[in-house]
Amino acid sequence: MPDKKSPINFDKTIAGFNVTERGIKSYSKSFSLGPFRLTLNARGSGVRGSISIPGTGLSKRNIKLI
């Protein structure tokens, strides 16, 4: 049976936790490493990351770490 869709959508990041109307979905944290920014995102399916150069729009996303 499919999940019933919510009439109101709520999606907010609070202290690194992504919270929706159905609860906490993931946790993310960013680190600066010289000219690069490393972002880790942990959720039920595992840990993924991205590396980017801030201010340029250049990034490599969705790197599976665990």
N, C-alpha and C. Protein backbone atom coordinates (compact mmCIF):
# COMPACT_ATOMS: atom_id res chain seq x y z
N MET A 1 0.84 -1.17 0.00
CA MET A 1 0.00 0.00 0.00
C MET A 1 0.90 1.24 0.00
N PRO A 2 0.72 2.16 -0.94
CA PRO A 2 1.57 3.35 -1.01
C PRO A 2 1.33 4.29 0.17
N ASP A 3 2.39 5.03 0.52
CA ASP A 3 2.27 6.00 1.60
C ASP A 3 1.32 7.12 1.18
N LYS A 4 0.54 7.58 2.13
CA LYS A 4 -0.36 8.69 1.87
C LYS A 4 0.46 9.97 1.83
N LYS A 5 0.26 10.80 0.80
CA LYS A 5 1.02 12.04 0.66
C LYS A 5 0.50 13.09 1.63
N SER A 6 1.42 13.83 2.18
CA SER A 6 1.09 14.89 3.12
C SER A 6 0.61 16.13 2.36
N PRO A 7 -0.42 16.80 2.85
CA PRO A 7 -0.88 18.01 2.17
C PRO A 7 0.08 19.19 2.36
N ILE A 8 0.92 19.13 3.38
CA ILE A 8 1.89 20.19 3.65
C ILE A 8 3.27 19.57 3.69
N ASN A 9 4.22 20.16 2.96
CA ASN A 9 5.58 19.67 2.96
C ASN A 9 6.44 20.51 3.90
N PHE A 10 7.26 19.84 4.68
CA PHE A 10 8.17 20.51 5.60
C PHE A 10 9.54 19.90 5.39
N ASP A 11 10.53 20.73 5.10
CA ASP A 11 11.89 20.26 4.88
C ASP A 11 12.83 21.36 5.38
N LYS A 12 13.50 21.09 6.48
CA LYS A 12 14.35 22.10 7.13
C LYS A 12 15.60 21.43 7.66
N THR A 13 16.74 22.11 7.56
CA THR A 13 17.98 21.61 8.15
C THR A 13 18.21 22.36 9.45
N ILE A 14 18.29 21.60 10.54
CA ILE A 14 18.49 22.16 11.87
C ILE A 14 19.72 21.50 12.47
N ALA A 15 20.76 22.29 12.71
CA ALA A 15 22.01 21.81 13.31
C ALA A 15 22.58 20.60 12.55
N GLY A 16 22.46 20.62 11.22
CA GLY A 16 23.01 19.54 10.40
C GLY A 16 22.05 18.40 10.14
N PHE A 17 20.93 18.34 10.84
CA PHE A 17 19.94 17.29 10.65
C PHE A 17 18.87 17.76 9.67
N ASN A 18 18.59 16.94 8.62
CA ASN A 18 17.53 17.25 7.69
C ASN A 18 16.24 16.68 8.25
N VAL A 19 15.29 17.55 8.58
CA VAL A 19 14.03 17.15 9.20
C VAL A 19 12.89 17.41 8.22
N THR A 20 12.05 16.41 8.01
CA THR A 20 10.85 16.56 7.18
C THR A 20 9.63 16.30 8.04
N GLU A 21 8.45 16.38 7.43
CA GLU A 21 7.21 16.13 8.19
C GLU A 21 7.14 14.68 8.69
N ARG A 22 7.99 13.81 8.17
CA ARG A 22 8.01 12.40 8.59
C ARG A 22 9.17 12.07 9.51
N GLY A 23 9.93 13.08 9.94
CA GLY A 23 11.02 12.85 10.89
C GLY A 23 12.38 13.20 10.32
N ILE A 24 13.42 12.80 11.05
CA ILE A 24 14.80 13.08 10.65
C ILE A 24 15.19 12.13 9.51
N LYS A 25 15.70 12.70 8.41
CA LYS A 25 16.05 11.90 7.24
C LYS A 25 17.54 11.68 7.08
N SER A 26 18.38 12.69 7.44
CA SER A 26 19.82 12.54 7.26
C SER A 26 20.56 13.55 8.11
N TYR A 27 21.89 13.39 8.15
CA TYR A 27 22.76 14.33 8.85
C TYR A 27 23.89 14.70 7.91
N SER A 28 24.19 15.98 7.81
CA SER A 28 25.29 16.38 6.95
C SER A 28 26.21 17.35 7.68
N LYS A 29 27.48 17.31 7.29
CA LYS A 29 28.50 18.15 7.90
C LYS A 29 29.50 18.52 6.82
N SER A 30 29.90 19.79 6.79
CA SER A 30 30.88 20.27 5.81
C SER A 30 32.18 20.65 6.49
N PHE A 31 33.29 20.37 5.80
CA PHE A 31 34.63 20.70 6.28
C PHE A 31 35.37 21.43 5.17
N SER A 32 36.16 22.42 5.54
CA SER A 32 37.02 23.09 4.56
C SER A 32 38.41 22.47 4.62
N LEU A 33 38.91 22.11 3.46
CA LEU A 33 40.25 21.51 3.34
C LEU A 33 41.02 22.34 2.32
N GLY A 34 41.71 23.38 2.77
CA GLY A 34 42.40 24.28 1.86
C GLY A 34 41.38 24.96 0.97
N PRO A 35 41.55 24.89 -0.36
CA PRO A 35 40.60 25.54 -1.25
C PRO A 35 39.35 24.69 -1.54
N PHE A 36 39.24 23.52 -0.95
CA PHE A 36 38.13 22.61 -1.21
C PHE A 36 37.19 22.52 -0.01
N ARG A 37 35.94 22.14 -0.28
CA ARG A 37 34.97 21.88 0.78
C ARG A 37 34.49 20.44 0.63
N LEU A 38 34.58 19.66 1.70
CA LEU A 38 34.14 18.28 1.74
C LEU A 38 32.86 18.23 2.56
N THR A 39 31.81 17.67 1.98
CA THR A 39 30.53 17.54 2.67
C THR A 39 30.20 16.06 2.79
N LEU A 40 29.91 15.61 4.02
CA LEU A 40 29.51 14.23 4.28
C LEU A 40 28.03 14.22 4.60
N ASN A 41 27.31 13.21 4.09
CA ASN A 41 25.88 13.09 4.32
C ASN A 41 25.60 11.65 4.75
N ALA A 42 25.11 11.48 5.98
CA ALA A 42 24.81 10.14 6.52
C ALA A 42 23.31 9.95 6.58
N ARG A 43 22.85 8.82 6.08
CA ARG A 43 21.43 8.46 6.15
C ARG A 43 21.31 6.96 6.25
N GLY A 44 20.12 6.46 6.28
CA GLY A 44 19.91 5.03 6.45
C GLY A 44 20.58 4.17 5.41
N SER A 45 20.74 4.67 4.20
CA SER A 45 21.32 3.88 3.12
C SER A 45 22.85 3.92 3.10
N GLY A 46 23.47 4.71 3.97
CA GLY A 46 24.93 4.77 4.02
C GLY A 46 25.45 6.19 4.10
N VAL A 47 26.75 6.32 3.92
CA VAL A 47 27.40 7.63 3.97
C VAL A 47 27.88 7.99 2.57
N ARG A 48 27.52 9.15 2.12
CA ARG A 48 27.95 9.66 0.82
C ARG A 48 28.59 11.02 1.03
N GLY A 49 29.32 11.48 0.07
CA GLY A 49 29.99 12.75 0.21
C GLY A 49 30.09 13.50 -1.09
N SER A 50 30.54 14.73 -0.99
CA SER A 50 30.82 15.53 -2.18
C SER A 50 32.02 16.41 -1.89
N ILE A 51 32.73 16.77 -2.94
CA ILE A 51 33.86 17.68 -2.80
C ILE A 51 33.63 18.81 -3.81
N SER A 52 33.87 20.05 -3.36
CA SER A 52 33.60 21.19 -4.22
C SER A 52 34.62 22.29 -4.00
N ILE A 53 34.63 23.23 -4.94
CA ILE A 53 35.43 24.44 -4.81
C ILE A 53 34.42 25.56 -4.55
N PRO A 54 34.37 26.08 -3.31
CA PRO A 54 33.36 27.09 -2.96
C PRO A 54 33.42 28.32 -3.86
N GLY A 55 32.25 28.82 -4.23
CA GLY A 55 32.15 30.03 -5.02
C GLY A 55 32.24 29.83 -6.52
N THR A 56 32.55 28.61 -6.96
CA THR A 56 32.71 28.36 -8.40
C THR A 56 31.55 27.56 -8.99
N GLY A 57 30.84 26.82 -8.17
CA GLY A 57 29.78 25.94 -8.67
C GLY A 57 30.31 24.60 -9.15
N LEU A 58 31.61 24.36 -9.04
CA LEU A 58 32.20 23.09 -9.47
C LEU A 58 32.19 22.10 -8.31
N SER A 59 31.67 20.90 -8.55
CA SER A 59 31.65 19.89 -7.50
C SER A 59 31.55 18.50 -8.09
N LYS A 60 31.98 17.54 -7.31
CA LYS A 60 31.79 16.11 -7.60
C LYS A 60 30.89 15.61 -6.50
N ARG A 61 29.66 15.23 -6.86
CA ARG A 61 28.67 14.85 -5.87
C ARG A 61 28.44 13.35 -5.83
N ASN A 62 27.79 12.94 -4.74
CA ASN A 62 27.30 11.57 -4.58
C ASN A 62 28.42 10.53 -4.63
N ILE A 63 29.48 10.75 -3.89
CA ILE A 63 30.59 9.81 -3.79
C ILE A 63 30.27 8.85 -2.66
N LYS A 64 30.14 7.54 -2.96
CA LYS A 64 29.80 6.56 -1.93
C LYS A 64 31.02 6.28 -1.07
N LEU A 65 30.90 6.52 0.24
CA LEU A 65 32.00 6.31 1.16
C LEU A 65 31.83 5.03 1.96
N ILE A 66 30.63 4.76 2.43
CA ILE A 66 30.35 3.54 3.21
C ILE A 66 29.02 2.97 2.75
